[in-house]
């Protein structure tokens, strides 16, 4: 598509840079607590969603990096993962309509383990350079909705005070960039900036004019001619 996303990608990359800087600072201050190392893939089984700007960003670089058979192999893995995520979310919706508490549903989802389709046979990420922010911050303390979380394999001790990333603020900044993008391209889907999707869906999505609600029908198209003929008969 002909839309220039680069200004919004640069804003997103600023947040990525800030997230990486925070992780490195906490790692430097608490080296005995941050246990992340190469081939540790604990975070690669977590279930989480991406904002519009983040999904669009990794989709763009995925399509640039992978072609041919390798791309086809990854697309197969993405489709399988997306079906697994769909089943989990469908069950969560049924539980919600049945009256189950939202906190309990979120806890159930957090306990689900789905192997990221970008995790290769060597337990390394095929898109490490462009990995989502959630992946970049996994391993240090973070708060969501006022509740603290950290990697179960880390050395952080419950009840003690550590530097903590507020993921709600970070997510709001991602929503803001997404909103600016939707407004700039004049999408007909005004609520699109609020959209969250799994990584698997973000990578198999075709972010084209039709997706963004920008595709118009040409005046000489069969559909438009049919419409004109009907108007003349009135």
Protein backbone atom coordinates (compact mmCIF):
# COMPACT_ATOMS: atom_id res chain seq x y z
CA UNK A 1 0.00 0.00 0.00
CA UNK A 2 1.10 3.59 -0.56
CA UNK A 3 0.63 4.87 3.00
CA UNK A 4 3.84 6.15 4.59
CA UNK A 5 3.96 4.65 8.07
CA UNK A 6 7.56 5.73 8.77
CA UNK A 7 6.66 8.76 10.99
CA UNK A 8 4.60 6.49 13.24
CA UNK A 9 7.23 3.76 13.19
CA UNK A 10 9.79 6.30 14.42
CA UNK A 11 7.53 7.24 17.33
CA UNK A 12 7.09 3.58 18.14
CA UNK A 13 10.85 3.01 17.98
CA UNK A 14 11.33 5.77 20.55
CA UNK A 15 9.19 3.78 22.97
CA UNK A 16 11.15 0.63 22.09
CA UNK A 17 14.39 2.48 22.85
CA UNK A 18 13.03 3.66 26.19
CA UNK A 19 11.88 0.13 27.09
CA UNK A 20 15.30 -1.31 26.24
CA UNK A 21 16.99 1.40 28.32
CA UNK A 22 14.81 0.61 31.34
CA UNK A 23 15.55 -3.10 31.05
CA UNK A 24 19.30 -2.47 30.87
CA UNK A 25 19.17 -0.10 33.85
CA UNK A 26 17.32 -2.62 36.03
CA UNK A 27 19.69 -5.36 34.86
CA UNK A 28 22.70 -3.21 35.80
CA UNK A 29 21.27 -2.31 39.21
CA UNK A 30 20.11 -5.87 40.00
CA UNK A 31 22.32 -8.24 38.00
CA UNK A 32 21.66 -11.09 40.43
CA UNK A 33 17.88 -10.74 39.92
CA UNK A 34 17.66 -10.46 36.12
CA UNK A 35 18.32 -14.00 34.92
CA UNK A 36 17.55 -13.57 31.21
CA UNK A 37 20.02 -15.36 28.94
CA UNK A 38 20.26 -16.60 25.37
CA UNK A 39 18.06 -19.62 24.62
CA UNK A 40 15.89 -19.00 27.70
CA UNK A 41 12.46 -19.00 26.08
CA UNK A 42 10.14 -18.76 29.08
CA UNK A 43 8.63 -15.50 27.80
CA UNK A 44 8.05 -17.09 24.38
CA UNK A 45 5.09 -19.06 25.72
CA UNK A 46 3.19 -16.12 27.21
CA UNK A 47 -0.16 -15.07 25.73
CA UNK A 48 -0.49 -11.33 25.04
CA UNK A 49 -1.90 -8.92 22.46
CA UNK A 50 -0.42 -6.12 20.37
CA UNK A 51 -1.68 -2.62 19.69
CA UNK A 52 -2.29 -1.50 16.10
CA UNK A 53 1.05 0.30 15.73
CA UNK A 54 3.02 -2.60 17.18
CA UNK A 55 1.24 -5.20 15.06
CA UNK A 56 1.72 -3.10 11.93
CA UNK A 57 5.42 -2.56 12.73
CA UNK A 58 6.35 -6.21 13.19
CA UNK A 59 4.15 -7.20 10.23
CA UNK A 60 6.08 -4.76 8.01
CA UNK A 61 9.48 -6.15 9.01
CA UNK A 62 8.26 -9.76 8.84
CA UNK A 63 7.19 -9.25 5.22
CA UNK A 64 10.54 -7.63 4.40
CA UNK A 65 12.60 -10.39 6.00
CA UNK A 66 10.89 -13.62 4.94
CA UNK A 67 10.19 -14.81 1.41
CA UNK A 68 9.48 -18.07 -0.38
CA UNK A 69 9.50 -21.43 1.40
CA UNK A 70 10.78 -20.00 4.69
CA UNK A 71 7.90 -17.54 4.76
CA UNK A 72 5.41 -20.29 3.92
CA UNK A 73 6.74 -22.45 6.76
CA UNK A 74 6.33 -19.59 9.23
CA UNK A 75 2.84 -18.74 7.95
CA UNK A 76 1.81 -22.34 8.69
CA UNK A 77 3.11 -21.99 12.25
CA UNK A 78 1.35 -18.64 12.63
CA UNK A 79 -1.98 -20.07 11.48
CA UNK A 80 -1.73 -22.96 13.94
CA UNK A 81 -0.87 -20.61 16.80
CA UNK A 82 -3.71 -18.29 15.85
CA UNK A 83 -6.21 -21.16 16.02
CA UNK A 84 -4.92 -22.07 19.49
CA UNK A 85 -5.27 -18.47 20.68
CA UNK A 86 -8.78 -18.29 19.24
CA UNK A 87 -9.84 -21.39 21.19
CA UNK A 88 -8.48 -19.95 24.44
CA UNK A 89 -10.22 -16.60 23.93
CA UNK A 90 -13.46 -18.29 22.91
CA UNK A 91 -13.46 -20.26 26.17
CA UNK A 92 -12.68 -17.08 28.11
CA UNK A 93 -15.70 -15.39 26.52
CA UNK A 94 -17.95 -18.33 27.41
CA UNK A 95 -16.70 -18.21 31.00
CA UNK A 96 -17.37 -14.46 31.14
CA UNK A 97 -20.94 -14.80 29.86
CA UNK A 98 -21.46 -17.61 32.37
CA UNK A 99 -20.63 -15.20 35.19
CA UNK A 100 -17.04 -16.12 35.99
CA UNK A 101 -15.06 -13.27 37.57
CA UNK A 102 -12.89 -11.32 35.16
CA UNK A 103 -9.85 -11.58 37.46
CA UNK A 104 -10.16 -15.38 37.47
CA UNK A 105 -10.52 -15.46 33.69
CA UNK A 106 -7.39 -13.34 33.25
CA UNK A 107 -5.53 -15.62 35.64
CA UNK A 108 -6.61 -18.65 33.59
CA UNK A 109 -5.36 -16.99 30.40
CA UNK A 110 -2.06 -16.04 32.04
CA UNK A 111 -1.48 -19.70 32.89
CA UNK A 112 -1.93 -20.86 29.28
CA UNK A 113 1.26 -21.76 27.43
CA UNK A 114 1.43 -21.35 23.65
CA UNK A 115 4.78 -21.58 21.89
CA UNK A 116 5.42 -18.41 19.90
CA UNK A 117 5.52 -19.27 16.18
CA UNK A 118 8.62 -17.06 15.85
CA UNK A 119 10.57 -19.25 18.29
CA UNK A 120 12.78 -21.48 16.15
CA UNK A 121 14.28 -24.92 16.77
CA UNK A 122 17.33 -23.36 18.46
CA UNK A 123 15.05 -21.60 20.99
CA UNK A 124 15.91 -18.27 19.41
CA UNK A 125 13.54 -15.61 18.07
CA UNK A 126 13.34 -15.31 14.28
CA UNK A 127 12.35 -11.64 14.69
CA UNK A 128 14.45 -10.76 17.74
CA UNK A 129 15.46 -7.31 16.50
CA UNK A 130 11.80 -6.37 15.98
CA UNK A 131 10.27 -8.32 18.89
CA UNK A 132 7.32 -6.71 20.75
CA UNK A 133 7.84 -4.50 23.79
CA UNK A 134 6.27 -7.11 26.08
CA UNK A 135 9.09 -9.48 25.10
CA UNK A 136 11.71 -6.77 25.72
CA UNK A 137 10.51 -6.09 29.27
CA UNK A 138 9.84 -9.68 30.32
CA UNK A 139 12.22 -10.55 33.16
CA UNK A 140 11.98 -7.32 35.16
CA UNK A 141 9.15 -6.17 37.50
CA UNK A 142 6.12 -4.63 35.80
CA UNK A 143 2.68 -3.52 36.92
CA UNK A 144 -0.64 -3.95 35.10
CA UNK A 145 -3.81 -2.48 36.55
CA UNK A 146 -2.03 -1.89 39.85
CA UNK A 147 -0.86 -5.50 40.19
CA UNK A 148 2.82 -6.39 40.07
CA UNK A 149 4.24 -9.15 37.86
CA UNK A 150 7.64 -10.55 36.99
CA UNK A 151 9.18 -13.61 35.40
CA UNK A 152 8.94 -16.71 37.59
CA UNK A 153 12.54 -17.58 36.73
CA UNK A 154 13.93 -14.24 37.84
CA UNK A 155 15.54 -13.60 41.22
CA UNK A 156 13.19 -10.83 42.30
CA UNK A 157 11.77 -11.44 45.78
CA UNK A 158 8.06 -10.86 46.45
CA UNK A 159 7.41 -8.06 48.94
CA UNK A 160 10.61 -6.12 48.26
CA UNK A 161 10.84 -2.81 46.42
CA UNK A 162 12.35 -2.78 42.92
CA UNK A 163 12.16 -0.44 39.92
CA UNK A 164 8.88 -1.35 38.19
CA UNK A 165 7.64 -0.63 34.67
CA UNK A 166 4.08 0.69 34.49
CA UNK A 167 2.72 -1.16 31.49
CA UNK A 168 -0.57 0.78 31.59
CA UNK A 169 1.27 4.02 30.79
CA UNK A 170 3.27 2.30 28.07
CA UNK A 171 0.11 0.83 26.52
CA UNK A 172 -1.61 4.23 26.57
CA UNK A 173 1.33 5.67 24.60
CA UNK A 174 0.93 2.91 22.02
CA UNK A 175 -2.80 3.64 21.78
CA UNK A 176 -1.94 7.31 21.24
CA UNK A 177 0.38 6.57 18.31
CA UNK A 178 -2.21 4.19 16.84
CA UNK A 179 -4.86 6.90 17.17
CA UNK A 180 -2.67 9.45 15.40
CA UNK A 181 -2.09 6.98 12.58
CA UNK A 182 -5.79 6.23 12.12
CA UNK A 183 -6.58 9.95 12.09
CA UNK A 184 -3.77 10.81 9.67
CA UNK A 185 -4.76 8.22 7.05
CA UNK A 186 -8.45 9.13 7.48
CA UNK A 187 -9.56 5.57 8.13
CA UNK A 188 -13.31 5.03 8.14
CA UNK A 189 -12.81 2.71 11.14
CA UNK A 190 -12.46 5.32 13.87
CA UNK A 191 -12.22 2.72 16.66
CA UNK A 192 -9.38 0.85 14.99
CA UNK A 193 -6.81 2.49 17.29
CA UNK A 194 -8.31 0.60 20.24
CA UNK A 195 -7.79 -2.75 18.56
CA UNK A 196 -5.60 -5.42 20.17
CA UNK A 197 -4.60 -8.61 18.36
CA UNK A 198 -2.34 -11.61 19.08
CA UNK A 199 1.08 -11.67 17.44
CA UNK A 200 0.01 -14.52 15.18
CA UNK A 201 -2.92 -12.55 13.77
CA UNK A 202 -0.83 -9.39 13.37
CA UNK A 203 1.67 -11.26 11.20
CA UNK A 204 -0.86 -12.95 8.91
CA UNK A 205 -2.97 -9.80 8.46
CA UNK A 206 -2.82 -7.92 5.17
CA UNK A 207 -2.67 -4.29 6.25
CA UNK A 208 -3.93 -2.84 2.99
CA UNK A 209 -6.34 -0.06 1.99
CA UNK A 210 -9.34 -2.32 2.44
CA UNK A 211 -8.23 -3.29 5.94
CA UNK A 212 -7.98 0.37 6.93
CA UNK A 213 -11.29 1.28 5.29
CA UNK A 214 -9.65 3.37 2.56
CA UNK A 215 -10.59 1.33 -0.52
CA UNK A 216 -13.06 3.15 -2.81
CA UNK A 217 -15.09 1.76 -5.69
CA UNK A 218 -14.07 3.12 -9.07
CA UNK A 219 -16.82 4.83 -11.03
CA UNK A 220 -16.41 2.49 -13.98
CA UNK A 221 -16.48 -0.67 -11.88
CA UNK A 222 -19.28 -3.22 -12.53
CA UNK A 223 -20.75 -2.57 -9.12
CA UNK A 224 -20.88 1.18 -9.69
CA UNK A 225 -22.39 0.75 -13.18
CA UNK A 226 -25.08 -1.52 -11.76
CA UNK A 227 -25.89 1.09 -9.15
CA UNK A 228 -26.11 3.84 -11.81
CA UNK A 229 -28.47 1.73 -13.95
CA UNK A 230 -30.79 1.21 -11.01
CA UNK A 231 -30.84 4.94 -10.35
CA UNK A 232 -31.80 5.65 -14.00
CA UNK A 233 -34.79 3.24 -13.82
CA UNK A 234 -36.32 5.06 -10.86
